[in-house]
Amino acid sequence: MALHAKARPPKIDETVKHAAWATPEVCILVDGALIKDPAHRFPSAEVMMQALDDAFYSIDHL
């Protein structure tokens, strides 16, 4: 439980190599959402929503 509470989760780009959906924008979104310290997370829902939009539009869609 201590690791879950304090350890940084692995970054997506370190875990998933060469995945087309793992764009820098997706990594920013996921990494930002998983930050343990609330003071360092997205400062507002609007900022996170912009990161979500950026991530969505950064992926080549079929």
PDB file of N, CA and C in Angstrom:
ATOM      1  N   MET A   1       0.822  -1.181   0.000  1.00  0.00           N
ATOM      2  CA  MET A   1       0.000   0.000   0.000  1.00  0.00           C
ATOM      3  C   MET A   1       0.870   1.250   0.000  1.00  0.00           C
ATOM      4  N   ALA A   2       2.026   1.170   0.613  1.00  0.00           N
ATOM      5  CA  ALA A   2       2.902   2.336   0.656  1.00  0.00           C
ATOM      6  C   ALA A   2       3.337   2.739  -0.747  1.00  0.00           C
ATOM      7  N   LEU A   3       3.658   1.754  -1.596  1.00  0.00           N
ATOM      8  CA  LEU A   3       4.039   2.072  -2.968  1.00  0.00           C
ATOM      9  C   LEU A   3       2.887   2.730  -3.723  1.00  0.00           C
ATOM     10  N   HIS A   4       1.690   2.218  -3.528  1.00  0.00           N
ATOM     11  CA  HIS A   4       0.530   2.801  -4.202  1.00  0.00           C
ATOM     12  C   HIS A   4       0.323   4.253  -3.771  1.00  0.00           C
ATOM     13  N   ALA A   5       0.559   4.528  -2.529  1.00  0.00           N
ATOM     14  CA  ALA A   5       0.340   5.876  -2.002  1.00  0.00           C
ATOM     15  C   ALA A   5       1.444   6.846  -2.398  1.00  0.00           C
ATOM     16  N   LYS A   6       2.665   6.370  -2.567  1.00  0.00           N
ATOM     17  CA  LYS A   6       3.777   7.295  -2.756  1.00  0.00           C
ATOM     18  C   LYS A   6       4.558   7.136  -4.060  1.00  0.00           C
ATOM     19  N   ALA A   7       4.641   5.947  -4.590  1.00  0.00           N
ATOM     20  CA  ALA A   7       5.476   5.704  -5.765  1.00  0.00           C
ATOM     21  C   ALA A   7       4.828   6.260  -7.029  1.00  0.00           C
ATOM     22  N   ARG A   8       5.648   6.787  -7.910  1.00  0.00           N
ATOM     23  CA  ARG A   8       5.168   7.289  -9.192  1.00  0.00           C
ATOM     24  C   ARG A   8       4.851   6.098 -10.081  1.00  0.00           C
ATOM     25  N   PRO A   9       3.662   6.080 -10.694  1.00  0.00           N
ATOM     26  CA  PRO A   9       3.365   4.992 -11.626  1.00  0.00           C
ATOM     27  C   PRO A   9       4.269   5.096 -12.848  1.00  0.00           C
ATOM     28  N   PRO A  10       4.538   4.000 -13.527  1.00  0.00           N
ATOM     29  CA  PRO A  10       5.373   4.079 -14.737  1.00  0.00           C
ATOM     30  C   PRO A  10       4.685   4.937 -15.792  1.00  0.00           C
ATOM     31  N   LYS A  11       5.477   5.682 -16.525  1.00  0.00           N
ATOM     32  CA  LYS A  11       4.925   6.514 -17.588  1.00  0.00           C
ATOM     33  C   LYS A  11       4.503   5.630 -18.755  1.00  0.00           C
ATOM     34  N   ILE A  12       3.460   6.037 -19.436  1.00  0.00           N
ATOM     35  CA  ILE A  12       2.938   5.238 -20.551  1.00  0.00           C
ATOM     36  C   ILE A  12       4.002   5.023 -21.617  1.00  0.00           C
ATOM     37  N   ASP A  13       4.736   6.088 -21.950  1.00  0.00           N
ATOM     38  CA  ASP A  13       5.724   5.928 -23.024  1.00  0.00           C
ATOM     39  C   ASP A  13       6.881   5.033 -22.615  1.00  0.00           C
ATOM     40  N   GLU A  14       7.054   4.771 -21.321  1.00  0.00           N
ATOM     41  CA  GLU A  14       8.048   3.807 -20.856  1.00  0.00           C
ATOM     42  C   GLU A  14       7.482   2.389 -20.864  1.00  0.00           C
ATOM     43  N   THR A  15       6.168   2.276 -20.717  1.00  0.00           N
ATOM     44  CA  THR A  15       5.510   0.980 -20.609  1.00  0.00           C
ATOM     45  C   THR A  15       5.062   0.440 -21.959  1.00  0.00           C
ATOM     46  N   VAL A  16       4.464   1.298 -22.754  1.00  0.00           N
ATOM     47  CA  VAL A  16       3.918   0.888 -24.048  1.00  0.00           C
ATOM     48  C   VAL A  16       4.793   1.493 -25.142  1.00  0.00           C
ATOM     49  N   LYS A  17       5.622   0.674 -25.719  1.00  0.00           N
ATOM     50  CA  LYS A  17       6.542   1.135 -26.760  1.00  0.00           C
ATOM     51  C   LYS A  17       5.881   1.037 -28.137  1.00  0.00           C
ATOM     52  N   HIS A  18       6.018   2.070 -28.910  1.00  0.00           N
ATOM     53  CA  HIS A  18       5.603   2.093 -30.314  1.00  0.00           C
ATOM     54  C   HIS A  18       4.105   1.898 -30.530  1.00  0.00           C
ATOM     55  N   ALA A  19       3.281   2.221 -29.556  1.00  0.00           N
ATOM     56  CA  ALA A  19       1.836   2.145 -29.764  1.00  0.00           C
ATOM     57  C   ALA A  19       1.378   3.438 -30.433  1.00  0.00           C
ATOM     58  N   ALA A  20       0.615   3.312 -31.497  1.00  0.00           N
ATOM     59  CA  ALA A  20       0.185   4.493 -32.243  1.00  0.00           C
ATOM     60  C   ALA A  20      -0.652   5.442 -31.393  1.00  0.00           C
ATOM     61  N   TRP A  21      -1.378   4.910 -30.432  1.00  0.00           N
ATOM     62  CA  TRP A  21      -2.242   5.752 -29.610  1.00  0.00           C
ATOM     63  C   TRP A  21      -1.488   6.453 -28.484  1.00  0.00           C
ATOM     64  N   ALA A  22      -0.258   6.043 -28.205  1.00  0.00           N
ATOM     65  CA  ALA A  22       0.505   6.625 -27.085  1.00  0.00           C
ATOM     66  C   ALA A  22       1.262   7.869 -27.568  1.00  0.00           C
ATOM     67  N   THR A  23       0.507   8.853 -28.017  1.00  0.00           N
ATOM     68  CA  THR A  23       1.091  10.107 -28.480  1.00  0.00           C
ATOM     69  C   THR A  23       1.587  10.906 -27.276  1.00  0.00           C
ATOM     70  N   PRO A  24       2.425  11.893 -27.499  1.00  0.00           N
ATOM     71  CA  PRO A  24       2.861  12.732 -26.368  1.00  0.00           C
ATOM     72  C   PRO A  24       1.685  13.362 -25.625  1.00  0.00           C
ATOM     73  N   GLU A  25       0.629  13.718 -26.357  1.00  0.00           N
ATOM     74  CA  GLU A  25      -0.543  14.326 -25.724  1.00  0.00           C
ATOM     75  C   GLU A  25      -1.275  13.339 -24.824  1.00  0.00           C
ATOM     76  N   VAL A  26      -1.369  12.073 -25.254  1.00  0.00           N
ATOM     77  CA  VAL A  26      -1.997  11.043 -24.419  1.00  0.00           C
ATOM     78  C   VAL A  26      -1.155  10.820 -23.158  1.00  0.00           C
ATOM     79  N   CYS A  27       0.151  10.796 -23.316  1.00  0.00           N
ATOM     80  CA  CYS A  27       1.045  10.612 -22.171  1.00  0.00           C
ATOM     81  C   CYS A  27       0.897  11.753 -21.169  1.00  0.00           C
ATOM     82  N   ILE A  28       0.788  12.984 -21.662  1.00  0.00           N
ATOM     83  CA  ILE A  28       0.593  14.132 -20.775  1.00  0.00           C
ATOM     84  C   ILE A  28      -0.709  13.989 -20.005  1.00  0.00           C
ATOM     85  N   LEU A  29      -1.767  13.590 -20.685  1.00  0.00           N
ATOM     86  CA  LEU A  29      -3.073  13.426 -20.040  1.00  0.00           C
ATOM     87  C   LEU A  29      -3.019  12.366 -18.942  1.00  0.00           C
ATOM     88  N   VAL A  30      -2.535  11.182 -19.280  1.00  0.00           N
ATOM     89  CA  VAL A  30      -2.523  10.075 -18.312  1.00  0.00           C
ATOM     90  C   VAL A  30      -1.552  10.358 -17.169  1.00  0.00           C
ATOM     91  N   ASP A  31      -0.354  10.816 -17.496  1.00  0.00           N
ATOM     92  CA  ASP A  31       0.617  11.104 -16.446  1.00  0.00           C
ATOM     93  C   ASP A  31       0.092  12.195 -15.515  1.00  0.00           C
ATOM     94  N   GLY A  32      -0.540  13.205 -16.073  1.00  0.00           N
ATOM     95  CA  GLY A  32      -1.085  14.289 -15.252  1.00  0.00           C
ATOM     96  C   GLY A  32      -2.217  13.828 -14.351  1.00  0.00           C
ATOM     97  N   ALA A  33      -3.011  12.886 -14.837  1.00  0.00           N
ATOM     98  CA  ALA A  33      -4.128  12.377 -14.036  1.00  0.00           C
ATOM     99  C   ALA A  33      -3.670  11.456 -12.916  1.00  0.00           C
ATOM    100  N   LEU A  34      -2.494  10.857 -13.065  1.00  0.00           N
ATOM    101  CA  LEU A  34      -2.016   9.899 -12.063  1.00  0.00           C
ATOM    102  C   LEU A  34      -1.050  10.496 -11.037  1.00  0.00           C
ATOM    103  N   ILE A  35      -0.818  11.783 -11.085  1.00  0.00           N
ATOM    104  CA  ILE A  35       0.091  12.414 -10.129  1.00  0.00           C
ATOM    105  C   ILE A  35      -0.465  12.257  -8.719  1.00  0.00           C
ATOM    106  N   LYS A  36       0.370  11.803  -7.810  1.00  0.00           N
ATOM    107  CA  LYS A  36      -0.071  11.525  -6.439  1.00  0.00           C
ATOM    108  C   LYS A  36      -0.389  12.799  -5.658  1.00  0.00           C
ATOM    109  N   ASP A  37       0.451  13.824  -5.817  1.00  0.00           N
ATOM    110  CA  ASP A  37       0.288  15.070  -5.054  1.00  0.00           C
ATOM    111  C   ASP A  37      -0.766  15.944  -5.732  1.00  0.00           C
ATOM    112  N   PRO A  38      -1.897  16.195  -5.075  1.00  0.00           N
ATOM    113  CA  PRO A  38      -2.957  17.002  -5.684  1.00  0.00           C
ATOM    114  C   PRO A  38      -2.491  18.394  -6.115  1.00  0.00           C
ATOM    115  N   ALA A  39      -1.479  18.912  -5.480  1.00  0.00           N
ATOM    116  CA  ALA A  39      -0.982  20.240  -5.827  1.00  0.00           C
ATOM    117  C   ALA A  39      -0.309  20.264  -7.203  1.00  0.00           C
ATOM    118  N   HIS A  40       0.053  19.089  -7.711  1.00  0.00           N
ATOM    119  CA  HIS A  40       0.734  19.015  -9.001  1.00  0.00           C
ATOM    120  C   HIS A  40      -0.138  18.447 -10.116  1.00  0.00           C
ATOM    121  N   ARG A  41      -1.399  18.116  -9.798  1.00  0.00           N
ATOM    122  CA  ARG A  41      -2.328  17.619 -10.814  1.00  0.00           C
ATOM    123  C   ARG A  41      -2.850  18.773 -11.659  1.00  0.00           C
ATOM    124  N   PHE A  42      -3.724  18.455 -12.593  1.00  0.00           N
ATOM    125  CA  PHE A  42      -4.362  19.502 -13.385  1.00  0.00           C
ATOM    126  C   PHE A  42      -5.037  20.483 -12.424  1.00  0.00           C
ATOM    127  N   PRO A  43      -4.838  21.781 -12.631  1.00  0.00           N
ATOM    128  CA  PRO A  43      -5.373  22.754 -11.682  1.00  0.00           C
ATOM    129  C   PRO A  43      -6.885  22.919 -11.731  1.00  0.00           C
ATOM    130  N   SER A  44      -7.512  22.487 -12.829  1.00  0.00           N
ATOM    131  CA  SER A  44      -8.965  22.605 -12.934  1.00  0.00           C
ATOM    132  C   SER A  44      -9.488  21.570 -13.926  1.00  0.00           C
ATOM    133  N   ALA A  45     -10.795  21.376 -13.884  1.00  0.00           N
ATOM    134  CA  ALA A  45     -11.428  20.457 -14.836  1.00  0.00           C
ATOM    135  C   ALA A  45     -11.279  20.979 -16.261  1.00  0.00           C
ATOM    136  N   GLU A  46     -11.301  22.297 -16.422  1.00  0.00           N
ATOM    137  CA  GLU A  46     -11.162  22.883 -17.751  1.00  0.00           C
ATOM    138  C   GLU A  46      -9.787  22.573 -18.350  1.00  0.00           C
ATOM    139  N   VAL A  47      -8.740  22.645 -17.541  1.00  0.00           N
ATOM    140  CA  VAL A  47      -7.390  22.351 -18.012  1.00  0.00           C
ATOM    141  C   VAL A  47      -7.270  20.868 -18.371  1.00  0.00           C
ATOM    142  N   MET A  48      -7.864  20.012 -17.552  1.00  0.00           N
ATOM    143  CA  MET A  48      -7.822  18.580 -17.863  1.00  0.00           C
ATOM    144  C   MET A  48      -8.640  18.282 -19.118  1.00  0.00           C
ATOM    145  N   MET A  49      -9.756  18.969 -19.294  1.00  0.00           N
ATOM    146  CA  MET A  49     -10.572  18.779 -20.485  1.00  0.00           C
ATOM    147  C   MET A  49      -9.805  19.193 -21.738  1.00  0.00           C
ATOM    148  N   GLN A  50      -9.024  20.253 -21.658  1.00  0.00           N
ATOM    149  CA  GLN A  50      -8.210  20.660 -22.797  1.00  0.00           C
ATOM    150  C   GLN A  50      -7.164  19.594 -23.109  1.00  0.00           C
ATOM    151  N   ALA A  51      -6.556  19.015 -22.065  1.00  0.00           N
ATOM    152  CA  ALA A  51      -5.590  17.930 -22.265  1.00  0.00           C
ATOM    153  C   ALA A  51      -6.271  16.717 -22.887  1.00  0.00           C
ATOM    154  N   LEU A  52      -7.510  16.451 -22.487  1.00  0.00           N
ATOM    155  CA  LEU A  52      -8.275  15.350 -23.064  1.00  0.00           C
ATOM    156  C   LEU A  52      -8.553  15.608 -24.543  1.00  0.00           C
ATOM    157  N   ASP A  53      -8.963  16.821 -24.878  1.00  0.00           N
ATOM    158  CA  ASP A  53      -9.182  17.173 -26.288  1.00  0.00           C
ATOM    159  C   ASP A  53      -7.898  17.029 -27.089  1.00  0.00           C
ATOM    160  N   ASP A  54      -6.793  17.545 -26.540  1.00  0.00           N
ATOM    161  CA  ASP A  54      -5.502  17.444 -27.229  1.00  0.00           C
ATOM    162  C   ASP A  54      -5.133  15.985 -27.476  1.00  0.00           C
ATOM    163  N   ALA A  55      -5.346  15.139 -26.458  1.00  0.00           N
ATOM    164  CA  ALA A  55      -5.026  13.720 -26.581  1.00  0.00           C
ATOM    165  C   ALA A  55      -5.904  13.053 -27.637  1.00  0.00           C
ATOM    166  N   PHE A  56      -7.193  13.352 -27.585  1.00  0.00           N
ATOM    167  CA  PHE A  56      -8.135  12.735 -28.538  1.00  0.00           C
ATOM    168  C   PHE A  56      -7.759  13.087 -29.975  1.00  0.00           C
ATOM    169  N   TYR A  57      -7.475  14.345 -30.230  1.00  0.00           N
ATOM    170  CA  TYR A  57      -7.201  14.782 -31.599  1.00  0.00           C
ATOM    171  C   TYR A  57      -5.775  14.473 -32.047  1.00  0.00           C
ATOM    172  N   SER A  58      -4.931  14.016 -31.132  1.00  0.00           N
ATOM    173  CA  SER A  58      -3.561  13.662 -31.518  1.00  0.00           C
ATOM    174  C   SER A  58      -3.456  12.252 -32.071  1.00  0.00           C
ATOM    175  N   ILE A  59      -4.494  11.453 -31.874  1.00  0.00           N
ATOM    176  CA  ILE A  59      -4.493  10.068 -32.327  1.00  0.00           C
ATOM    177  C   ILE A  59      -5.111   9.996 -33.721  1.00  0.00           C
ATOM    178  N   ASP A  60      -4.461   9.302 -34.626  1.00  0.00           N
ATOM    179  CA  ASP A  60      -5.030   9.094 -35.957  1.00  0.00           C
ATOM    180  C   ASP A  60      -6.230   8.173 -35.831  1.00  0.00           C
ATOM    181  N   HIS A  61      -7.379   8.692 -36.185  1.00  0.00           N
ATOM    182  CA  HIS A  61      -8.621   7.912 -36.079  1.00  0.00           C
ATOM    183  C   HIS A  61      -8.962   7.287 -37.422  1.00  0.00           C
ATOM    184  N   LEU A  62      -9.586   6.134 -37.350  1.00  0.00           N
ATOM    185  CA  LEU A  62     -10.000   5.452 -38.584  1.00  0.00           C
ATOM    186  C   LEU A  62     -11.249   6.079 -39.138  1.00  0.00           C
TER     187      LEU A  62
END
